[in-house]
Amino acid sequence: MRGFCDLSDAWAERLQRVVVEAYDRVIDAAIKNKVDFVVLAGDAFDTAHASYGDFLHFFDGLDRLDAAGIPAYLIAGNHDPFTSWRLDLGRLPASVRMMGGEATEFELFERDGEPLCLIAARGYRNQAWPIDEPIATNITRLDAVRALEGAHPRAGQAPFSIGLIHTGLDLDQSKAHSDPRALMCADIDYWACGHLHKHYVLPSAEAPRIVFPGCIQGRDLKESGEKGCYLVTMKRIGQTGPVSTSLEFVPTASVVFHTLKVDVSACQTLADVTRLVMTQLFHKNAEANCDDMVVRVILTGETELHPFLAKQDVIRDLRKRFNNAYPTFYCDKLIDRTRSTSDREALSREGLFAGQVIRVADTQHARSDEMVNYIQAEFVKRGIDVPSSLTRRIGEFDEAAERLVFDLLEEDGS
């Protein structure tokens, strides 16, 4: 868990358990639904040096699948590459196969002695991937049949084929890139993909061919919203008919994270602000399939309450009220981005200092590229790393700077 502010002891302890709980729910879902097999598309761990306890729990889950007669096919990701697994591969149950560590590998899944699905897989050997080598090279149905027919003469009769890869597609070309158009044209029925931490399906949820389930449990506020895995059902009409694939999302996160923006323009009192925020928290919680929710609340809008909300002691008191109201919600941080009700247009027409501030702010906002370059130069002078979010949030910083100037003017009675 990363980036959370001022967690209570109870919530800090709660967040220590959520990833393990999410993994258990994946295993539970597989057993409950009596699936044919499970695929894990890399990054089972966030590090190549996971703790011994985490490894044991991971293998316990695979043992549960094995006991239920459900095989699993794994590949390594950039965070847990194949080289970090080598000493532990001997612990894998007989029904679990780590694939594609050194080169593309192929497996045939059979049900009741009949060939059912070809699985072609490639994962990360090391933590880096050659930039000139698409990870899906040589992953085709034809390659799978050729590789398997020596040991399985009827491999070509399998009605389905799956490609199992860890890739950033063309969205993150530094991480085992793949051209989605090439994947769509390949004679593979379904691409089970890892790396992206959010749901991503191509070409559509109604006709999925390339599927990222995302991570099974968010770990910071950037990984917000529902998290889980997919129950995949594949059908074929006859031996040569088209393959029909459907997805059912299975929520696994026991704690969901959200950043909630609440416009308090219509609020007359701080009590109104409290009621409005709590109402929106309930609405957001109703949308999420989770036990608990951690939120960062941002107050917005133009309001006469702004001078009060700009005071840190008021913000601390409001946050405390939210956190004492319901144990299933936790406000990790409450941020004031409201504005005073002063007439910005009228002030900008004046020749006074306030009008000049607005004109400078507008010019600065229109020249965002120049401002980014200026800020970068100032950071470099001081030997400070430039935040990666600078370019994306420069407009937000402009607005915050303008609010700060007017807040200081109001404090001085100017």
Protein backbone atom coordinates (compact mmCIF):
# COMPACT_ATOMS: atom_id res chain seq x y z
CA MET A 1 0.00 0.00 0.00
CA ARG A 2 1.38 3.38 -1.04
CA GLY A 3 0.70 7.07 -0.63
CA PHE A 4 -1.92 7.11 2.11
CA CYS A 5 -1.85 9.91 4.68
CA ASP A 6 -2.38 9.65 8.42
CA LEU A 7 -3.99 6.20 8.51
CA SER A 8 -5.42 5.10 11.83
CA ASP A 9 -3.86 2.01 13.41
CA ALA A 10 -6.97 -0.03 12.64
CA TRP A 11 -6.98 0.95 8.96
CA ALA A 12 -3.23 0.46 8.60
CA GLU A 13 -3.70 -3.08 9.90
CA ARG A 14 -6.73 -3.56 7.63
CA LEU A 15 -4.80 -2.59 4.50
CA GLN A 16 -2.04 -5.08 5.32
CA ARG A 17 -4.49 -7.93 4.70
CA VAL A 18 -6.34 -6.85 1.57
CA VAL A 19 -4.01 -8.24 -1.12
CA VAL A 20 -4.00 -11.69 0.50
CA GLU A 21 -7.80 -11.57 0.80
CA ALA A 22 -8.13 -10.66 -2.89
CA TYR A 23 -5.94 -13.60 -3.95
CA ASP A 24 -8.02 -15.96 -1.80
CA ARG A 25 -11.15 -14.68 -3.52
CA VAL A 26 -9.66 -15.48 -6.94
CA ILE A 27 -9.01 -19.07 -5.83
CA ASP A 28 -12.48 -19.28 -4.24
CA ALA A 29 -14.12 -18.05 -7.48
CA ALA A 30 -12.27 -20.64 -9.58
CA ILE A 31 -13.32 -23.49 -7.28
CA LYS A 32 -16.91 -22.27 -6.88
CA ASN A 33 -17.40 -21.96 -10.64
CA LYS A 34 -15.67 -25.31 -11.34
CA VAL A 35 -13.58 -23.76 -14.09
CA ASP A 36 -11.58 -25.92 -16.50
CA PHE A 37 -8.33 -24.09 -15.71
CA VAL A 38 -6.85 -20.82 -14.44
CA VAL A 39 -4.33 -18.54 -16.19
CA LEU A 40 -2.23 -15.94 -14.34
CA ALA A 41 -0.61 -13.46 -16.72
CA GLY A 42 2.42 -12.34 -14.68
CA ASP A 43 3.23 -10.09 -11.71
CA ALA A 44 1.83 -12.43 -9.08
CA PHE A 45 4.22 -10.42 -6.88
CA ASP A 46 5.16 -6.76 -7.04
CA THR A 47 8.81 -7.59 -6.45
CA ALA A 48 11.39 -10.18 -7.45
CA HIS A 49 12.12 -10.66 -3.74
CA ALA A 50 8.74 -11.34 -2.18
CA SER A 51 8.59 -12.40 1.46
CA TYR A 52 8.68 -16.07 2.38
CA GLY A 53 5.23 -15.79 3.91
CA ASP A 54 3.78 -14.33 0.70
CA PHE A 55 5.32 -17.16 -1.34
CA LEU A 56 3.85 -19.76 1.00
CA HIS A 57 0.38 -18.23 0.77
CA PHE A 58 0.61 -18.07 -3.02
CA PHE A 59 1.54 -21.76 -3.21
CA ASP A 60 -1.25 -22.62 -0.73
CA GLY A 61 -3.74 -21.17 -3.23
CA LEU A 62 -2.28 -23.26 -6.06
CA ASP A 63 -2.50 -26.34 -3.82
CA ARG A 64 -6.22 -25.60 -3.30
CA LEU A 65 -6.74 -25.48 -7.07
CA ASP A 66 -4.81 -28.73 -7.46
CA ALA A 67 -6.96 -30.44 -4.82
CA ALA A 68 -10.06 -29.30 -6.71
CA GLY A 69 -8.71 -30.77 -9.96
CA ILE A 70 -8.15 -27.35 -11.56
CA PRO A 71 -4.83 -26.87 -13.42
CA ALA A 72 -3.17 -23.45 -13.59
CA TYR A 73 -0.88 -21.93 -16.21
CA LEU A 74 1.44 -19.11 -15.10
CA ILE A 75 3.85 -16.72 -16.75
CA ALA A 76 6.32 -14.33 -15.14
CA GLY A 77 5.95 -10.56 -15.36
CA ASN A 78 8.43 -7.70 -15.25
CA HIS A 79 8.08 -7.44 -11.45
CA ASP A 80 8.53 -11.17 -10.79
CA PRO A 81 10.61 -12.41 -13.75
CA PHE A 82 11.33 -16.06 -14.45
CA THR A 83 14.82 -15.91 -12.94
CA SER A 84 13.30 -15.04 -9.54
CA TRP A 85 11.11 -18.17 -9.64
CA ARG A 86 13.67 -20.83 -10.54
CA LEU A 87 14.40 -22.02 -7.02
CA ASP A 88 10.69 -22.24 -6.24
CA LEU A 89 9.44 -24.08 -9.33
CA GLY A 90 9.92 -27.42 -7.53
CA ARG A 91 7.17 -26.41 -5.10
CA LEU A 92 4.54 -26.08 -7.82
CA PRO A 93 1.81 -28.74 -7.71
CA ALA A 94 1.85 -31.23 -10.58
CA SER A 95 -1.15 -29.52 -12.19
CA VAL A 96 0.54 -26.09 -12.30
CA ARG A 97 2.84 -25.09 -15.13
CA MET A 98 5.13 -22.04 -15.25
CA MET A 99 5.40 -21.27 -18.97
CA GLY A 100 7.43 -19.14 -21.37
CA GLY A 101 10.33 -18.20 -19.14
CA GLU A 102 13.09 -18.80 -21.68
CA ALA A 103 11.07 -18.94 -24.93
CA THR A 104 7.51 -19.32 -26.13
CA GLU A 105 6.01 -22.54 -24.75
CA PHE A 106 2.87 -24.49 -25.56
CA GLU A 107 0.47 -26.68 -23.59
CA LEU A 108 -2.61 -28.69 -24.50
CA PHE A 109 -5.52 -28.78 -22.06
CA GLU A 110 -7.63 -31.92 -22.36
CA ARG A 111 -11.00 -32.59 -20.77
CA ASP A 112 -12.19 -36.18 -20.41
CA GLY A 113 -9.38 -37.27 -22.71
CA GLU A 114 -10.45 -34.91 -25.51
CA PRO A 115 -8.26 -31.98 -26.70
CA LEU A 116 -10.01 -28.76 -25.68
CA CYS A 117 -7.62 -25.78 -25.70
CA LEU A 118 -4.18 -24.89 -27.00
CA ILE A 119 -2.26 -22.52 -24.68
CA ALA A 120 0.69 -20.53 -26.06
CA ALA A 121 2.59 -18.43 -23.52
CA ARG A 122 5.52 -16.08 -23.13
CA GLY A 123 6.61 -14.21 -20.00
CA TYR A 124 9.57 -12.20 -18.78
CA ARG A 125 12.91 -13.92 -18.29
CA ASN A 126 14.50 -10.83 -16.68
CA GLN A 127 12.99 -7.56 -15.52
CA ALA A 128 13.64 -5.92 -18.91
CA TRP A 129 12.38 -6.84 -22.38
CA PRO A 130 14.18 -6.25 -25.73
CA ILE A 131 12.58 -3.20 -27.31
CA ASP A 132 12.82 -4.65 -30.84
CA GLU A 133 11.10 -7.98 -30.03
CA PRO A 134 7.30 -8.17 -29.74
CA ILE A 135 6.49 -10.61 -26.94
CA ALA A 136 3.78 -12.32 -29.00
CA THR A 137 6.16 -13.38 -31.79
CA ASN A 138 5.52 -17.03 -32.79
CA ILE A 139 2.38 -17.29 -30.69
CA THR A 140 -0.05 -18.76 -33.20
CA ARG A 141 -2.33 -21.75 -33.36
CA LEU A 142 -0.18 -23.27 -36.12
CA ASP A 143 2.99 -22.96 -34.01
CA ALA A 144 1.18 -24.53 -31.05
CA VAL A 145 -0.03 -27.50 -33.10
CA ARG A 146 3.42 -28.08 -34.61
CA ALA A 147 5.08 -27.95 -31.17
CA LEU A 148 2.57 -30.30 -29.53
CA GLU A 149 1.59 -32.83 -32.19
CA GLY A 150 4.62 -35.06 -31.50
CA ALA A 151 3.40 -35.77 -27.95
CA HIS A 152 -0.27 -35.10 -28.72
CA PRO A 153 -1.17 -36.23 -32.26
CA ARG A 154 -4.73 -34.85 -31.86
CA ALA A 155 -3.63 -31.38 -30.73
CA GLY A 156 -4.92 -29.85 -33.97
CA GLN A 157 -8.46 -30.96 -33.04
CA ALA A 158 -8.59 -28.63 -30.01
CA PRO A 159 -11.44 -26.19 -30.72
CA PHE A 160 -9.94 -23.27 -28.76
CA SER A 161 -6.64 -21.41 -28.49
CA ILE A 162 -5.36 -18.94 -25.90
CA GLY A 163 -2.34 -16.63 -25.98
CA LEU A 164 -0.95 -15.86 -22.51
CA ILE A 165 1.38 -12.83 -22.46
CA HIS A 166 2.63 -10.02 -20.22
CA THR A 167 2.60 -6.84 -22.30
CA GLY A 168 2.00 -3.11 -22.37
CA LEU A 169 0.54 -3.43 -25.89
CA ASP A 170 1.10 -0.08 -27.63
CA LEU A 171 0.05 1.80 -24.45
CA ASP A 172 3.37 1.14 -22.67
CA GLN A 173 5.90 0.33 -25.37
CA SER A 174 8.77 0.03 -22.89
CA LYS A 175 7.11 -3.08 -21.42
CA ALA A 176 7.12 -5.95 -23.96
CA HIS A 177 5.16 -4.07 -26.59
CA SER A 178 2.64 -5.74 -28.89
CA ASP A 179 0.68 -4.26 -31.76
CA PRO A 180 -3.00 -4.93 -30.91
CA ARG A 181 -3.79 -5.08 -34.63
CA ALA A 182 -1.30 -7.93 -35.04
CA LEU A 183 -2.83 -9.78 -32.08
CA MET A 184 -6.31 -9.36 -33.54
CA CYS A 185 -5.12 -10.78 -36.88
CA ALA A 186 -3.37 -13.79 -35.32
CA ASP A 187 -5.17 -17.13 -35.29
CA ILE A 188 -5.55 -17.03 -31.50
CA ASP A 189 -9.09 -16.95 -30.10
CA TYR A 190 -8.36 -15.15 -26.82
CA TRP A 191 -5.38 -13.15 -25.53
CA ALA A 192 -5.08 -13.31 -21.72
CA CYS A 193 -2.85 -10.36 -20.85
CA GLY A 194 -1.06 -9.03 -17.78
CA HIS A 195 0.75 -5.77 -16.95
CA LEU A 196 -1.93 -3.05 -17.11
CA HIS A 197 -3.49 -2.46 -13.68
CA LYS A 198 -6.92 -1.59 -15.04
CA HIS A 199 -9.64 -3.37 -17.03
CA TYR A 200 -8.92 -3.10 -20.74
CA VAL A 201 -10.73 -5.11 -23.40
CA LEU A 202 -10.38 -5.06 -27.20
CA PRO A 203 -12.22 -4.75 -29.49
CA SER A 204 -15.23 -4.64 -27.12
CA ALA A 205 -16.72 -6.23 -24.02
CA GLU A 206 -19.30 -7.90 -26.29
CA ALA A 207 -16.62 -9.49 -28.50
CA PRO A 208 -13.46 -9.74 -26.35
CA ARG A 209 -10.23 -10.90 -27.99
CA ILE A 210 -7.53 -9.01 -26.01
CA VAL A 211 -8.28 -8.82 -22.29
CA PHE A 212 -6.54 -7.27 -19.29
CA PRO A 213 -8.45 -7.94 -16.05
CA GLY A 214 -6.26 -5.41 -14.22
CA CYS A 215 -5.02 -5.99 -10.69
CA ILE A 216 -7.18 -7.92 -8.22
CA GLN A 217 -6.77 -5.33 -5.43
CA GLY A 218 -5.95 -1.64 -5.71
CA ARG A 219 -2.92 -0.54 -3.71
CA ASP A 220 -3.10 3.24 -3.97
CA LEU A 221 -5.49 5.98 -5.03
CA LYS A 222 -4.34 5.75 -8.66
CA GLU A 223 -5.65 2.16 -8.70
CA SER A 224 -9.18 3.23 -7.88
CA GLY A 225 -12.51 1.60 -8.58
CA GLU A 226 -13.56 -2.05 -8.75
CA LYS A 227 -10.83 -4.66 -9.02
CA GLY A 228 -11.10 -8.34 -9.79
CA CYS A 229 -10.66 -11.13 -12.33
CA TYR A 230 -12.64 -12.48 -15.27
CA LEU A 231 -14.59 -15.70 -15.61
CA VAL A 232 -14.20 -16.47 -19.32
CA THR A 233 -16.59 -18.69 -21.29
CA MET A 234 -15.70 -19.77 -24.83
CA LYS A 235 -18.06 -21.53 -27.24
CA ARG A 236 -17.72 -22.79 -30.80
CA ILE A 237 -20.52 -23.90 -33.11
CA GLY A 238 -19.29 -27.08 -34.78
CA GLN A 239 -15.66 -27.89 -35.48
CA THR A 240 -14.96 -24.90 -37.75
CA GLY A 241 -17.54 -22.31 -36.69
CA PRO A 242 -16.60 -18.94 -35.14
CA VAL A 243 -15.60 -18.78 -31.48
CA SER A 244 -17.91 -16.85 -29.17
CA THR A 245 -16.33 -15.51 -25.95
CA SER A 246 -18.09 -13.91 -22.99
CA LEU A 247 -16.68 -12.29 -19.86
CA GLU A 248 -18.10 -12.15 -16.35
CA PHE A 249 -16.31 -9.78 -13.99
CA VAL A 250 -15.66 -11.28 -10.54
CA PRO A 251 -14.93 -8.57 -7.91
CA THR A 252 -12.15 -9.55 -5.52
CA ALA A 253 -11.09 -6.32 -3.77
CA SER A 254 -12.31 -6.07 -0.19
CA VAL A 255 -11.24 -2.42 -0.01
CA VAL A 256 -11.82 -0.05 -2.93
CA PHE A 257 -10.07 3.30 -3.29
CA HIS A 258 -11.62 6.45 -4.70
CA THR A 259 -10.82 10.11 -5.13
CA LEU A 260 -14.15 11.88 -4.63
CA LYS A 261 -14.73 15.47 -5.81
CA VAL A 262 -17.67 17.16 -4.07
CA ASP A 263 -19.03 20.53 -5.28
CA VAL A 264 -20.14 22.38 -2.13
CA SER A 265 -21.37 25.54 -3.90
CA ALA A 266 -24.93 25.04 -2.61
CA CYS A 267 -23.89 24.46 1.02
CA GLN A 268 -24.79 27.20 3.49
CA THR A 269 -23.09 25.76 6.58
CA LEU A 270 -20.29 23.35 7.48
CA ALA A 271 -23.02 20.92 8.61
CA ASP A 272 -24.37 21.04 5.05
CA VAL A 273 -20.89 20.14 3.77
CA THR A 274 -20.76 17.14 6.12
CA ARG A 275 -24.19 15.87 5.02
CA LEU A 276 -23.40 16.31 1.31
CA VAL A 277 -20.05 14.51 1.55
CA MET A 278 -21.56 11.60 3.52
CA THR A 279 -24.40 11.28 0.98
CA GLN A 280 -21.94 11.08 -1.90
CA LEU A 281 -19.80 8.58 0.01
CA PHE A 282 -22.83 6.30 0.32
CA HIS A 283 -23.61 6.69 -3.39
CA LYS A 284 -20.03 5.81 -4.33
CA ASN A 285 -20.00 2.85 -1.96
CA ALA A 286 -23.22 1.53 -3.50
CA GLU A 287 -21.51 1.44 -6.92
CA ALA A 288 -18.54 -0.59 -5.64
CA ASN A 289 -18.60 -4.31 -4.84
CA CYS A 290 -16.42 -4.11 -1.73
CA ASP A 291 -16.48 -4.43 2.02
CA ASP A 292 -14.78 -1.13 2.84
CA MET A 293 -13.77 2.05 1.06
CA VAL A 294 -10.85 4.46 1.41
CA VAL A 295 -11.46 7.88 -0.13
CA ARG A 296 -9.59 11.11 -0.68
CA VAL A 297 -12.21 13.86 -0.67
CA ILE A 298 -11.67 17.09 -2.63
CA LEU A 299 -14.06 19.96 -1.92
CA THR A 300 -14.70 22.17 -4.96
CA GLY A 301 -16.96 25.01 -6.07
CA GLU A 302 -17.47 28.68 -5.38
CA THR A 303 -18.77 29.23 -1.85
CA GLU A 304 -18.95 31.77 0.95
CA LEU A 305 -17.62 28.99 3.21
CA HIS A 306 -14.24 29.17 1.48
CA PRO A 307 -12.54 31.32 4.19
CA PHE A 308 -13.50 28.66 6.77
CA LEU A 309 -12.58 25.67 4.60
CA ALA A 310 -9.18 27.20 3.90
CA LYS A 311 -8.32 26.79 7.60
CA GLN A 312 -6.50 23.56 8.42
CA ASP A 313 -8.18 23.13 11.81
CA VAL A 314 -11.61 23.24 10.14
CA ILE A 315 -10.51 20.66 7.54
CA ARG A 316 -9.10 18.42 10.29
CA ASP A 317 -12.40 18.61 12.22
CA LEU A 318 -14.50 17.79 9.14
CA ARG A 319 -12.28 14.83 8.27
CA LYS A 320 -12.57 13.55 11.84
CA ARG A 321 -16.37 13.75 11.60
CA PHE A 322 -16.36 11.71 8.37
CA ASN A 323 -14.13 9.05 9.90
CA ASN A 324 -16.14 8.79 13.11
CA ALA A 325 -19.48 8.48 11.28
CA TYR A 326 -19.19 5.02 9.67
CA PRO A 327 -16.46 2.41 10.22
CA THR A 328 -16.65 1.15 6.61
CA PHE A 329 -15.48 4.51 5.18
CA TYR A 330 -12.08 6.05 5.72
CA CYS A 331 -11.20 9.54 4.51
CA ASP A 332 -7.43 9.42 4.17
CA LYS A 333 -7.23 13.11 3.28
CA LEU A 334 -9.64 16.03 2.92
CA ILE A 335 -8.51 18.72 0.48
CA ASP A 336 -10.01 22.19 0.02
CA ARG A 337 -10.06 23.44 -3.57
CA THR A 338 -13.03 25.74 -3.19
CA ARG A 339 -13.01 29.36 -4.38
CA SER A 340 -14.34 32.52 -2.78
CA THR A 341 -17.53 34.04 -4.22
CA SER A 342 -15.78 37.17 -5.46
CA ASP A 343 -16.73 38.19 -9.01
CA ARG A 344 -13.65 37.19 -11.01
CA GLU A 345 -14.80 38.99 -14.16
CA ALA A 346 -15.45 42.24 -12.29
CA LEU A 347 -12.06 42.05 -10.56
CA SER A 348 -10.27 41.42 -13.86
CA ARG A 349 -11.75 44.64 -15.34
CA GLU A 350 -10.42 46.69 -12.45
CA GLY A 351 -7.04 48.31 -12.63
CA LEU A 352 -6.24 47.29 -9.07
CA PHE A 353 -3.83 44.60 -7.87
CA ALA A 354 -6.50 41.85 -7.86
CA GLY A 355 -7.25 42.48 -11.53
CA GLN A 356 -3.56 42.35 -12.38
CA VAL A 357 -3.21 39.00 -10.56
CA ILE A 358 -6.06 37.55 -12.66
CA ARG A 359 -4.55 38.81 -15.93
CA VAL A 360 -1.15 37.32 -15.06
CA ALA A 361 -2.83 34.04 -14.08
CA ASP A 362 -4.73 33.90 -17.38
CA THR A 363 -1.55 34.56 -19.36
CA GLN A 364 0.29 31.91 -17.39
CA HIS A 365 -2.49 29.39 -18.01
CA ALA A 366 -2.42 30.09 -21.77
CA ARG A 367 1.34 29.45 -21.86
CA SER A 368 1.39 26.15 -19.99
CA ASP A 369 4.36 24.81 -22.00
CA GLU A 370 6.47 27.81 -20.96
CA MET A 371 5.46 27.31 -17.33
CA VAL A 372 6.41 23.63 -17.42
CA ASN A 373 9.85 24.52 -18.83
CA TYR A 374 10.32 27.25 -16.20
CA ILE A 375 9.39 24.93 -13.31
CA GLN A 376 11.63 22.16 -14.65
CA ALA A 377 14.56 24.60 -14.83
CA GLU A 378 13.96 25.72 -11.23
CA PHE A 379 13.86 22.12 -10.01
CA VAL A 380 17.09 21.30 -11.86
CA LYS A 381 18.84 24.31 -10.28
CA ARG A 382 17.99 22.95 -6.85
CA GLY A 383 18.91 19.35 -7.66
CA ILE A 384 15.33 18.16 -7.12
CA ASP A 385 13.60 15.51 -9.23
CA VAL A 386 10.76 16.90 -11.34
CA PRO A 387 7.39 15.26 -10.44
CA SER A 388 6.15 13.02 -13.24
CA SER A 389 2.68 14.57 -12.88
CA LEU A 390 3.90 18.13 -13.62
CA THR A 391 2.76 18.37 -17.24
CA ARG A 392 -0.57 16.69 -16.56
CA ARG A 393 -1.38 18.87 -13.53
CA ILE A 394 0.02 22.24 -14.57
CA GLY A 395 -3.49 23.74 -14.94
CA GLU A 396 -4.39 22.51 -11.47
CA PHE A 397 -1.24 24.14 -10.05
CA ASP A 398 -2.11 27.43 -11.81
CA GLU A 399 -5.54 27.50 -10.17
CA ALA A 400 -4.09 26.63 -6.76
CA ALA A 401 -1.56 29.49 -7.05
CA GLU A 402 -4.31 31.98 -7.91
CA ARG A 403 -6.45 30.80 -4.98
CA LEU A 404 -3.49 31.13 -2.64
CA VAL A 405 -2.87 34.75 -3.67
CA PHE A 406 -6.52 35.71 -3.09
CA ASP A 407 -6.63 33.84 0.23
CA LEU A 408 -3.62 35.84 1.41
CA LEU A 409 -5.24 39.09 0.24
CA GLU A 410 -8.40 38.25 2.18
CA GLU A 411 -6.37 37.48 5.32
CA ASP A 412 -4.71 40.91 5.04
CA GLY A 413 -8.07 42.61 4.51
CA SER A 414 -6.92 43.92 1.13
